[in-house]
């Protein structure tokens, strides 16, 4: 579990990065829907990466990705709700 800080940091940076870009380039009504789609995509990507590491017997990294998936869900839901105006 020593990799969880790095993995979580990259995931959180990715969430806030695409949220800022979406707020700058889209109209306010479209931000929530696009943000939701990107959060769901990021969750699916984390799960697939975790499954890959479980299959390759690197359970430490896989567990980090699975825990980060829940973090992405919680923070991503908050980011999506912040776009609701």
N, C-alpha and C. Protein backbone atom coordinates (compact mmCIF):
# COMPACT_ATOMS: atom_id res chain seq x y z
N UNK A 1 0.82 -1.20 0.00
CA UNK A 1 0.00 0.00 0.00
C UNK A 1 0.86 1.26 0.00
N UNK A 2 2.14 1.11 -0.26
CA UNK A 2 3.00 2.28 -0.26
C UNK A 2 2.78 3.16 -1.49
N UNK A 3 2.11 2.65 -2.51
CA UNK A 3 1.87 3.41 -3.73
C UNK A 3 0.57 4.19 -3.71
N UNK A 4 -0.22 4.05 -2.68
CA UNK A 4 -1.55 4.65 -2.70
C UNK A 4 -1.50 6.18 -2.74
N UNK A 5 -0.54 6.78 -2.09
CA UNK A 5 -0.44 8.24 -2.12
C UNK A 5 -0.18 8.77 -3.51
N UNK A 6 0.71 8.12 -4.23
CA UNK A 6 1.03 8.55 -5.60
C UNK A 6 -0.15 8.30 -6.54
N UNK A 7 -0.76 7.13 -6.44
CA UNK A 7 -1.89 6.79 -7.31
C UNK A 7 -3.07 7.70 -7.03
N UNK A 8 -3.37 7.94 -5.76
CA UNK A 8 -4.48 8.83 -5.40
C UNK A 8 -4.19 10.25 -5.84
N UNK A 9 -2.96 10.68 -5.69
CA UNK A 9 -2.59 12.04 -6.10
C UNK A 9 -2.79 12.27 -7.59
N UNK A 10 -2.37 11.29 -8.39
CA UNK A 10 -2.56 11.42 -9.84
C UNK A 10 -4.05 11.42 -10.21
N UNK A 11 -4.83 10.59 -9.56
CA UNK A 11 -6.26 10.52 -9.85
C UNK A 11 -6.96 11.82 -9.46
N UNK A 12 -6.63 12.37 -8.31
CA UNK A 12 -7.25 13.63 -7.88
C UNK A 12 -6.83 14.77 -8.79
N UNK A 13 -5.56 14.80 -9.17
CA UNK A 13 -5.09 15.83 -10.09
C UNK A 13 -5.82 15.72 -11.43
N UNK A 14 -6.06 14.50 -11.89
CA UNK A 14 -6.77 14.28 -13.14
C UNK A 14 -8.21 14.79 -13.04
N UNK A 15 -8.87 14.50 -11.92
CA UNK A 15 -10.25 14.98 -11.72
C UNK A 15 -10.31 16.50 -11.79
N UNK A 16 -9.47 17.14 -11.01
CA UNK A 16 -9.51 18.60 -10.97
C UNK A 16 -9.03 19.22 -12.28
N UNK A 17 -8.11 18.54 -12.96
CA UNK A 17 -7.64 19.04 -14.25
C UNK A 17 -8.75 19.07 -15.29
N UNK A 18 -9.46 17.96 -15.45
CA UNK A 18 -10.51 17.98 -16.47
C UNK A 18 -11.71 18.80 -16.02
N UNK A 19 -11.93 18.96 -14.72
CA UNK A 19 -13.01 19.83 -14.27
C UNK A 19 -12.72 21.29 -14.62
N UNK A 20 -11.51 21.72 -14.41
CA UNK A 20 -11.13 23.09 -14.75
C UNK A 20 -11.24 23.32 -16.25
N UNK A 21 -10.75 22.36 -17.04
CA UNK A 21 -10.82 22.50 -18.49
C UNK A 21 -12.27 22.54 -18.96
N UNK A 22 -13.13 21.68 -18.39
CA UNK A 22 -14.55 21.67 -18.77
C UNK A 22 -15.22 23.00 -18.43
N UNK A 23 -14.91 23.54 -17.26
CA UNK A 23 -15.52 24.81 -16.86
C UNK A 23 -15.09 25.95 -17.78
N UNK A 24 -13.88 25.86 -18.33
CA UNK A 24 -13.39 26.92 -19.19
C UNK A 24 -13.93 26.84 -20.62
N UNK A 25 -14.16 25.62 -21.13
CA UNK A 25 -14.47 25.50 -22.55
C UNK A 25 -15.93 25.16 -22.86
N UNK A 26 -16.74 24.83 -21.85
CA UNK A 26 -18.13 24.47 -22.13
C UNK A 26 -19.09 25.42 -21.44
N UNK A 27 -20.33 25.35 -21.87
CA UNK A 27 -21.36 26.17 -21.24
C UNK A 27 -21.74 25.55 -19.90
N UNK A 28 -22.24 26.35 -18.96
CA UNK A 28 -22.55 25.84 -17.62
C UNK A 28 -23.53 24.66 -17.60
N UNK A 29 -24.43 24.57 -18.53
CA UNK A 29 -25.40 23.48 -18.53
C UNK A 29 -24.79 22.14 -18.92
N UNK A 30 -23.71 22.15 -19.68
CA UNK A 30 -23.09 20.92 -20.16
C UNK A 30 -22.02 20.37 -19.24
N UNK A 31 -21.55 21.17 -18.31
CA UNK A 31 -20.41 20.77 -17.48
C UNK A 31 -20.75 19.56 -16.62
N UNK A 32 -21.93 19.54 -16.02
CA UNK A 32 -22.26 18.45 -15.11
C UNK A 32 -22.33 17.11 -15.84
N UNK A 33 -22.96 17.08 -16.98
CA UNK A 33 -23.08 15.82 -17.73
C UNK A 33 -21.73 15.31 -18.21
N UNK A 34 -20.91 16.19 -18.74
CA UNK A 34 -19.58 15.78 -19.21
C UNK A 34 -18.69 15.35 -18.05
N UNK A 35 -18.79 16.06 -16.95
CA UNK A 35 -18.01 15.72 -15.77
C UNK A 35 -18.40 14.34 -15.23
N UNK A 36 -19.70 14.06 -15.23
CA UNK A 36 -20.18 12.76 -14.78
C UNK A 36 -19.65 11.63 -15.66
N UNK A 37 -19.67 11.84 -16.96
CA UNK A 37 -19.17 10.84 -17.90
C UNK A 37 -17.68 10.60 -17.68
N UNK A 38 -16.92 11.66 -17.45
CA UNK A 38 -15.48 11.50 -17.23
C UNK A 38 -15.17 10.81 -15.91
N UNK A 39 -15.94 11.10 -14.86
CA UNK A 39 -15.73 10.43 -13.58
C UNK A 39 -16.04 8.94 -13.71
N UNK A 40 -17.13 8.61 -14.38
CA UNK A 40 -17.47 7.19 -14.59
C UNK A 40 -16.37 6.50 -15.40
N UNK A 41 -15.87 7.17 -16.42
CA UNK A 41 -14.77 6.61 -17.21
C UNK A 41 -13.51 6.40 -16.39
N UNK A 42 -13.22 7.34 -15.50
CA UNK A 42 -12.04 7.20 -14.66
C UNK A 42 -12.21 6.05 -13.66
N UNK A 43 -13.41 5.88 -13.14
CA UNK A 43 -13.68 4.77 -12.22
C UNK A 43 -13.51 3.43 -12.95
N UNK A 44 -14.05 3.33 -14.15
CA UNK A 44 -13.93 2.10 -14.94
C UNK A 44 -12.46 1.82 -15.26
N UNK A 45 -11.71 2.87 -15.61
CA UNK A 45 -10.29 2.70 -15.91
C UNK A 45 -9.53 2.21 -14.68
N UNK A 46 -9.82 2.77 -13.52
CA UNK A 46 -9.15 2.32 -12.29
C UNK A 46 -9.47 0.86 -11.97
N UNK A 47 -10.72 0.47 -12.17
CA UNK A 47 -11.09 -0.92 -11.92
C UNK A 47 -10.37 -1.86 -12.89
N UNK A 48 -10.31 -1.49 -14.15
CA UNK A 48 -9.61 -2.33 -15.14
C UNK A 48 -8.12 -2.43 -14.84
N UNK A 49 -7.51 -1.32 -14.43
CA UNK A 49 -6.10 -1.35 -14.07
C UNK A 49 -5.88 -2.23 -12.84
N UNK A 50 -6.79 -2.13 -11.87
CA UNK A 50 -6.68 -2.96 -10.67
C UNK A 50 -6.81 -4.44 -11.02
N UNK A 51 -7.74 -4.77 -11.91
CA UNK A 51 -7.91 -6.17 -12.32
C UNK A 51 -6.66 -6.69 -13.04
N UNK A 52 -6.04 -5.83 -13.83
CA UNK A 52 -4.80 -6.21 -14.50
C UNK A 52 -3.71 -6.54 -13.47
N UNK A 53 -3.56 -5.68 -12.46
CA UNK A 53 -2.53 -5.93 -11.45
C UNK A 53 -2.87 -7.12 -10.56
N UNK A 54 -4.17 -7.37 -10.32
CA UNK A 54 -4.54 -8.58 -9.60
C UNK A 54 -4.15 -9.82 -10.40
N UNK A 55 -4.37 -9.78 -11.71
CA UNK A 55 -4.04 -10.92 -12.57
C UNK A 55 -2.54 -11.14 -12.66
N UNK A 56 -1.77 -10.06 -12.57
CA UNK A 56 -0.31 -10.19 -12.65
C UNK A 56 0.33 -10.36 -11.28
N UNK A 57 -0.49 -10.69 -10.27
CA UNK A 57 -0.02 -11.02 -8.92
C UNK A 57 0.68 -9.86 -8.21
N UNK A 58 0.27 -8.65 -8.53
CA UNK A 58 0.80 -7.46 -7.84
C UNK A 58 -0.35 -6.87 -7.03
N UNK A 59 -0.73 -7.58 -6.00
CA UNK A 59 -1.93 -7.21 -5.26
C UNK A 59 -1.77 -5.90 -4.48
N UNK A 60 -0.55 -5.52 -4.15
CA UNK A 60 -0.34 -4.26 -3.44
C UNK A 60 -0.77 -3.07 -4.29
N UNK A 61 -0.34 -3.08 -5.53
CA UNK A 61 -0.72 -1.99 -6.45
C UNK A 61 -2.20 -2.09 -6.78
N UNK A 62 -2.71 -3.29 -6.97
CA UNK A 62 -4.13 -3.48 -7.29
C UNK A 62 -5.02 -2.98 -6.16
N UNK A 63 -4.65 -3.26 -4.92
CA UNK A 63 -5.42 -2.76 -3.78
C UNK A 63 -5.41 -1.24 -3.72
N UNK A 64 -4.27 -0.65 -4.07
CA UNK A 64 -4.18 0.81 -4.09
C UNK A 64 -5.14 1.40 -5.13
N UNK A 65 -5.20 0.77 -6.30
CA UNK A 65 -6.12 1.26 -7.34
C UNK A 65 -7.58 1.08 -6.93
N UNK A 66 -7.89 -0.02 -6.26
CA UNK A 66 -9.27 -0.23 -5.82
C UNK A 66 -9.69 0.79 -4.77
N UNK A 67 -8.81 1.07 -3.81
CA UNK A 67 -9.12 2.08 -2.80
C UNK A 67 -9.23 3.47 -3.42
N UNK A 68 -8.38 3.73 -4.39
CA UNK A 68 -8.44 5.02 -5.08
C UNK A 68 -9.72 5.15 -5.89
N UNK A 69 -10.27 4.04 -6.36
CA UNK A 69 -11.53 4.07 -7.08
C UNK A 69 -12.64 4.65 -6.21
N UNK A 70 -12.68 4.24 -4.94
CA UNK A 70 -13.69 4.80 -4.04
C UNK A 70 -13.45 6.27 -3.77
N UNK A 71 -12.20 6.66 -3.69
CA UNK A 71 -11.87 8.08 -3.51
C UNK A 71 -12.32 8.89 -4.72
N UNK A 72 -12.11 8.35 -5.90
CA UNK A 72 -12.53 9.04 -7.12
C UNK A 72 -14.06 9.18 -7.15
N UNK A 73 -14.76 8.14 -6.70
CA UNK A 73 -16.22 8.22 -6.66
C UNK A 73 -16.70 9.33 -5.72
N UNK A 74 -16.10 9.40 -4.56
CA UNK A 74 -16.52 10.40 -3.57
C UNK A 74 -16.17 11.81 -4.04
N UNK A 75 -14.94 12.02 -4.46
CA UNK A 75 -14.53 13.36 -4.90
C UNK A 75 -15.21 13.71 -6.21
N UNK A 76 -15.31 12.74 -7.12
CA UNK A 76 -15.96 13.01 -8.40
C UNK A 76 -17.42 13.37 -8.25
N UNK A 77 -18.13 12.71 -7.32
CA UNK A 77 -19.51 13.07 -7.06
C UNK A 77 -19.61 14.50 -6.55
N UNK A 78 -18.71 14.87 -5.67
CA UNK A 78 -18.70 16.25 -5.17
C UNK A 78 -18.41 17.26 -6.26
N UNK A 79 -17.50 16.93 -7.15
CA UNK A 79 -17.18 17.84 -8.26
C UNK A 79 -18.37 17.96 -9.19
N UNK A 80 -19.06 16.85 -9.47
CA UNK A 80 -20.23 16.90 -10.34
C UNK A 80 -21.33 17.75 -9.69
N UNK A 81 -21.53 17.59 -8.40
CA UNK A 81 -22.57 18.36 -7.70
C UNK A 81 -22.20 19.84 -7.61
N UNK A 82 -20.92 20.14 -7.60
CA UNK A 82 -20.52 21.56 -7.55
C UNK A 82 -20.84 22.25 -8.87
N UNK A 83 -20.99 21.48 -9.94
CA UNK A 83 -21.35 22.06 -11.23
C UNK A 83 -22.84 22.32 -11.36
N UNK A 84 -23.62 21.89 -10.41
CA UNK A 84 -25.07 22.07 -10.43
C UNK A 84 -25.38 23.49 -9.95
N UNK A 85 -25.96 24.29 -10.79
CA UNK A 85 -26.27 25.68 -10.39
C UNK A 85 -27.67 26.02 -10.79
